[in-house]
N, C-alpha and C. Protein backbone atom coordinates (compact mmCIF):
# COMPACT_ATOMS: atom_id res chain seq x y z
N MET A 1 13.78 -0.79 6.95
CA MET A 1 13.37 -1.79 6.27
C MET A 1 13.05 -1.19 4.90
N GLU A 2 13.51 -1.68 3.70
CA GLU A 2 13.20 -1.36 2.47
C GLU A 2 11.98 -1.87 1.90
N VAL A 3 11.14 -1.05 1.28
CA VAL A 3 9.89 -1.37 0.66
C VAL A 3 10.13 -1.19 -0.86
N VAL A 4 9.70 -2.21 -1.73
CA VAL A 4 9.51 -2.08 -3.05
C VAL A 4 8.28 -1.88 -3.29
N GLU A 5 8.05 -1.09 -4.35
CA GLU A 5 6.61 -0.86 -5.07
C GLU A 5 6.89 -1.18 -6.49
N MET A 6 5.84 -1.85 -6.73
CA MET A 6 5.84 -2.33 -8.38
C MET A 6 4.49 -1.96 -8.74
N GLU A 7 4.23 -1.57 -10.12
CA GLU A 7 2.98 -1.17 -10.52
C GLU A 7 2.71 -2.09 -11.86
N TYR A 8 1.50 -2.51 -12.11
CA TYR A 8 1.33 -3.26 -13.43
C TYR A 8 -0.34 -3.23 -13.35
N MET A 9 -0.95 -2.82 -14.62
CA MET A 9 -2.14 -2.79 -14.89
C MET A 9 -3.25 -2.39 -13.86
N GLN A 10 -3.21 -1.30 -13.22
CA GLN A 10 -4.10 -0.97 -12.18
C GLN A 10 -3.94 -1.59 -10.83
N LYS A 11 -2.80 -2.26 -10.77
CA LYS A 11 -2.56 -2.99 -9.39
C LYS A 11 -1.17 -2.60 -9.07
N LYS A 12 -0.92 -2.56 -7.62
CA LYS A 12 0.28 -2.16 -7.12
C LYS A 12 0.71 -3.25 -6.11
N TRP A 13 2.00 -3.49 -5.72
CA TRP A 13 2.44 -4.42 -5.01
C TRP A 13 3.41 -3.77 -4.06
N TYR A 14 3.37 -4.01 -2.83
CA TYR A 14 4.45 -3.32 -1.69
C TYR A 14 4.98 -4.58 -1.04
N CYS A 15 6.23 -4.74 -1.34
CA CYS A 15 6.96 -6.01 -0.88
C CYS A 15 8.15 -5.61 0.21
N GLY A 16 7.85 -6.10 1.41
CA GLY A 16 9.06 -5.86 2.30
C GLY A 16 9.49 -7.17 3.04
N LYS A 17 10.22 -7.19 4.04
CA LYS A 17 10.90 -8.66 4.36
C LYS A 17 9.87 -9.38 4.83
N ASP A 18 8.95 -8.90 5.71
CA ASP A 18 7.91 -9.56 6.37
C ASP A 18 6.35 -9.37 6.10
N PHE A 19 6.19 -8.85 5.00
CA PHE A 19 4.89 -8.38 4.39
C PHE A 19 4.85 -8.23 3.16
N PHE A 20 3.46 -8.49 2.37
CA PHE A 20 3.20 -8.12 0.91
C PHE A 20 1.90 -7.55 0.98
N ILE A 21 1.63 -6.57 0.31
CA ILE A 21 0.50 -5.59 0.09
C ILE A 21 0.20 -5.62 -1.28
N HIS A 22 -1.19 -6.04 -1.66
CA HIS A 22 -1.51 -5.87 -3.11
C HIS A 22 -2.72 -4.96 -3.27
N LEU A 23 -2.58 -3.75 -3.87
CA LEU A 23 -3.70 -2.91 -4.17
C LEU A 23 -4.24 -3.08 -5.43
N SER A 24 -5.56 -3.22 -5.66
CA SER A 24 -6.19 -3.53 -7.05
C SER A 24 -7.31 -2.40 -7.09
N THR A 25 -7.30 -1.64 -7.90
CA THR A 25 -8.43 -0.69 -8.14
C THR A 25 -9.33 -0.64 -9.19
N ASP A 26 -9.50 -1.78 -10.00
CA ASP A 26 -10.26 -1.82 -11.15
C ASP A 26 -10.63 -3.40 -11.24
N PHE A 27 -11.97 -3.42 -10.84
CA PHE A 27 -12.42 -5.14 -10.75
C PHE A 27 -13.72 -5.29 -11.71
N THR A 28 -13.71 -4.22 -12.66
CA THR A 28 -14.79 -4.33 -13.48
C THR A 28 -15.05 -5.45 -14.36
N ASP A 29 -14.05 -6.00 -14.84
CA ASP A 29 -14.08 -7.24 -15.63
C ASP A 29 -13.31 -8.46 -14.94
N TYR A 30 -13.31 -8.30 -13.53
CA TYR A 30 -12.58 -9.55 -12.84
C TYR A 30 -13.69 -10.76 -12.73
N GLU A 31 -13.04 -11.74 -12.98
CA GLU A 31 -13.66 -13.10 -12.72
C GLU A 31 -13.08 -13.93 -11.98
N GLY A 32 -13.46 -13.85 -10.61
CA GLY A 32 -12.72 -14.59 -9.49
C GLY A 32 -12.74 -16.20 -9.74
N LYS A 33 -11.57 -16.69 -9.35
CA LYS A 33 -11.43 -18.27 -9.29
C LYS A 33 -11.06 -18.45 -7.90
N LEU A 34 -11.73 -19.58 -7.41
CA LEU A 34 -11.29 -20.17 -6.14
C LEU A 34 -9.86 -20.34 -5.83
N HIS A 35 -9.26 -19.87 -4.96
CA HIS A 35 -7.91 -20.25 -4.52
C HIS A 35 -7.47 -20.02 -3.26
N ILE A 36 -6.37 -20.29 -2.87
CA ILE A 36 -5.78 -20.15 -1.53
C ILE A 36 -4.57 -19.47 -1.51
N HIS A 37 -4.14 -19.13 -0.27
CA HIS A 37 -2.58 -18.60 -0.29
C HIS A 37 -2.11 -19.24 0.87
N GLU A 38 -0.43 -19.01 0.95
CA GLU A 38 0.19 -19.39 2.28
C GLU A 38 0.19 -18.45 2.91
N PHE A 39 -0.46 -17.36 3.16
CA PHE A 39 -0.59 -16.29 4.07
C PHE A 39 -1.73 -15.60 4.37
N ALA A 40 -2.14 -14.97 5.48
CA ALA A 40 -3.50 -14.36 5.47
C ALA A 40 -3.67 -13.36 4.76
N GLU A 41 -4.93 -13.23 4.36
CA GLU A 41 -5.37 -11.90 3.33
C GLU A 41 -6.16 -10.94 3.95
N ILE A 42 -6.22 -9.75 4.06
CA ILE A 42 -6.96 -8.87 4.22
C ILE A 42 -7.54 -7.80 3.28
N SER A 43 -8.62 -7.88 3.04
CA SER A 43 -9.36 -7.15 1.89
C SER A 43 -10.17 -6.04 2.59
N HIS A 44 -9.79 -4.78 1.84
CA HIS A 44 -10.65 -3.30 2.24
C HIS A 44 -11.43 -3.08 0.97
N ILE A 45 -12.54 -2.87 1.16
CA ILE A 45 -13.67 -2.59 0.01
C ILE A 45 -13.68 -1.28 -0.05
N VAL A 46 -13.13 -0.31 -0.95
CA VAL A 46 -12.79 1.10 -0.99
C VAL A 46 -14.22 1.63 -1.79
N SER A 47 -14.73 0.91 -2.70
CA SER A 47 -15.93 1.36 -3.47
C SER A 47 -16.60 0.31 -4.13
N GLY A 48 -17.82 0.41 -4.32
CA GLY A 48 -18.61 -0.65 -5.02
C GLY A 48 -19.19 -1.58 -4.03
N GLU A 49 -19.57 -2.93 -4.62
CA GLU A 49 -20.08 -4.02 -3.89
C GLU A 49 -19.59 -5.11 -4.54
N ALA A 50 -19.59 -6.11 -3.72
CA ALA A 50 -19.08 -7.60 -4.10
C ALA A 50 -19.62 -8.65 -3.22
N GLU A 51 -19.20 -9.85 -3.76
CA GLU A 51 -19.52 -11.00 -3.00
C GLU A 51 -17.96 -11.66 -2.97
N HIS A 52 -17.93 -11.97 -1.56
CA HIS A 52 -16.77 -12.87 -1.23
C HIS A 52 -17.20 -14.34 -0.78
N GLU A 53 -16.45 -15.06 -1.55
CA GLU A 53 -16.78 -16.79 -1.16
C GLU A 53 -15.61 -17.08 -0.10
N ILE A 54 -15.70 -17.35 1.21
CA ILE A 54 -14.50 -17.83 1.96
C ILE A 54 -14.89 -19.10 2.72
N GLY A 55 -14.17 -19.87 2.49
CA GLY A 55 -14.43 -21.45 3.10
C GLY A 55 -15.87 -21.83 2.85
N GLY A 56 -16.30 -21.64 1.50
CA GLY A 56 -17.65 -22.12 1.34
C GLY A 56 -18.77 -21.33 1.75
N ILE A 57 -18.61 -20.37 2.41
CA ILE A 57 -19.58 -19.29 2.75
C ILE A 57 -19.62 -18.04 1.91
N ARG A 58 -20.66 -17.41 1.55
CA ARG A 58 -20.81 -16.28 0.53
C ARG A 58 -21.15 -15.03 1.55
N TYR A 59 -20.41 -13.94 1.42
CA TYR A 59 -20.90 -12.62 2.03
C TYR A 59 -20.79 -11.80 1.18
N LYS A 60 -21.84 -10.79 1.48
CA LYS A 60 -22.10 -9.52 0.51
C LYS A 60 -21.19 -8.42 1.14
N VAL A 61 -20.52 -7.87 0.47
CA VAL A 61 -19.56 -6.82 1.12
C VAL A 61 -19.68 -5.41 0.42
N ASN A 62 -19.57 -4.38 1.02
CA ASN A 62 -19.76 -3.00 0.34
C ASN A 62 -18.83 -2.13 0.85
N ARG A 63 -18.79 -0.71 0.30
CA ARG A 63 -17.81 0.13 0.62
C ARG A 63 -17.43 0.19 2.10
N GLY A 64 -16.23 0.35 2.69
CA GLY A 64 -16.00 0.46 3.85
C GLY A 64 -15.82 -0.90 4.77
N ASP A 65 -16.02 -1.97 4.11
CA ASP A 65 -16.00 -3.39 4.77
C ASP A 65 -14.43 -3.66 4.68
N VAL A 66 -14.17 -4.56 5.68
CA VAL A 66 -12.79 -5.18 5.72
C VAL A 66 -13.14 -6.67 6.11
N ILE A 67 -12.44 -7.42 5.24
CA ILE A 67 -12.55 -8.91 5.40
C ILE A 67 -11.14 -9.63 5.77
N ALA A 68 -11.29 -10.52 6.65
CA ALA A 68 -10.08 -11.25 6.90
C ALA A 68 -10.14 -12.64 6.40
N ILE A 69 -9.18 -13.18 5.76
CA ILE A 69 -9.12 -14.52 5.22
C ILE A 69 -8.09 -15.03 5.83
N PRO A 70 -8.01 -16.16 6.66
CA PRO A 70 -6.93 -16.82 7.24
C PRO A 70 -6.33 -17.65 6.06
N LYS A 71 -5.04 -18.01 6.52
CA LYS A 71 -3.96 -18.67 5.61
C LYS A 71 -4.74 -19.94 5.25
N GLY A 72 -4.61 -20.50 3.93
CA GLY A 72 -5.01 -21.72 3.54
C GLY A 72 -6.47 -22.10 3.28
N VAL A 73 -7.27 -21.18 3.48
CA VAL A 73 -8.78 -21.03 3.29
C VAL A 73 -9.17 -20.82 2.16
N ALA A 74 -9.77 -21.64 1.05
CA ALA A 74 -9.96 -21.27 -0.21
C ALA A 74 -11.16 -20.22 -0.35
N HIS A 75 -11.08 -19.17 -1.27
CA HIS A 75 -11.80 -18.09 -1.39
C HIS A 75 -11.85 -17.39 -2.65
N THR A 76 -12.76 -16.69 -2.94
CA THR A 76 -12.79 -15.90 -4.16
C THR A 76 -13.60 -14.67 -3.96
N PHE A 77 -13.78 -13.85 -5.01
CA PHE A 77 -14.13 -12.47 -4.88
C PHE A 77 -14.74 -12.22 -6.20
N ARG A 78 -15.98 -11.72 -6.34
CA ARG A 78 -16.82 -11.44 -7.41
C ARG A 78 -17.66 -9.99 -7.26
N PRO A 79 -17.12 -9.13 -8.09
CA PRO A 79 -17.78 -7.56 -8.07
C PRO A 79 -19.23 -7.76 -8.57
N THR A 80 -20.25 -7.07 -7.78
CA THR A 80 -21.49 -7.00 -8.22
C THR A 80 -21.98 -5.61 -8.60
N ALA A 81 -21.48 -4.60 -7.98
CA ALA A 81 -21.59 -3.43 -8.56
C ALA A 81 -20.33 -2.25 -8.28
N CYS A 82 -20.14 -1.28 -9.00
CA CYS A 82 -19.18 -0.49 -9.24
C CYS A 82 -19.49 1.00 -8.77
N ASP A 83 -18.73 1.74 -8.11
CA ASP A 83 -18.94 3.10 -8.02
C ASP A 83 -17.73 3.79 -7.65
N GLU A 84 -17.65 5.19 -7.62
CA GLU A 84 -16.32 5.81 -7.59
C GLU A 84 -15.96 5.93 -6.01
N PRO A 85 -14.75 5.83 -5.67
CA PRO A 85 -14.24 5.79 -4.24
C PRO A 85 -14.65 7.09 -3.63
């Protein structure tokens, strides 16, 4: 299987035939907008704290948390505190 790695502005994408991985490392100025995907999303919080809104429910998340977002469910992400991983 061939994996393609791309990098742009503190973000990396890994793309293969059957998967897509997006790694972001800097959310200090991120302004999350409600959106949906045609794929399931898994988020791992490496550092800091944030609020995830998934399907209209808000969740506080911290370093070490893993969040699963089903395909087609509206969600957004808002950082609330930053720290080093």
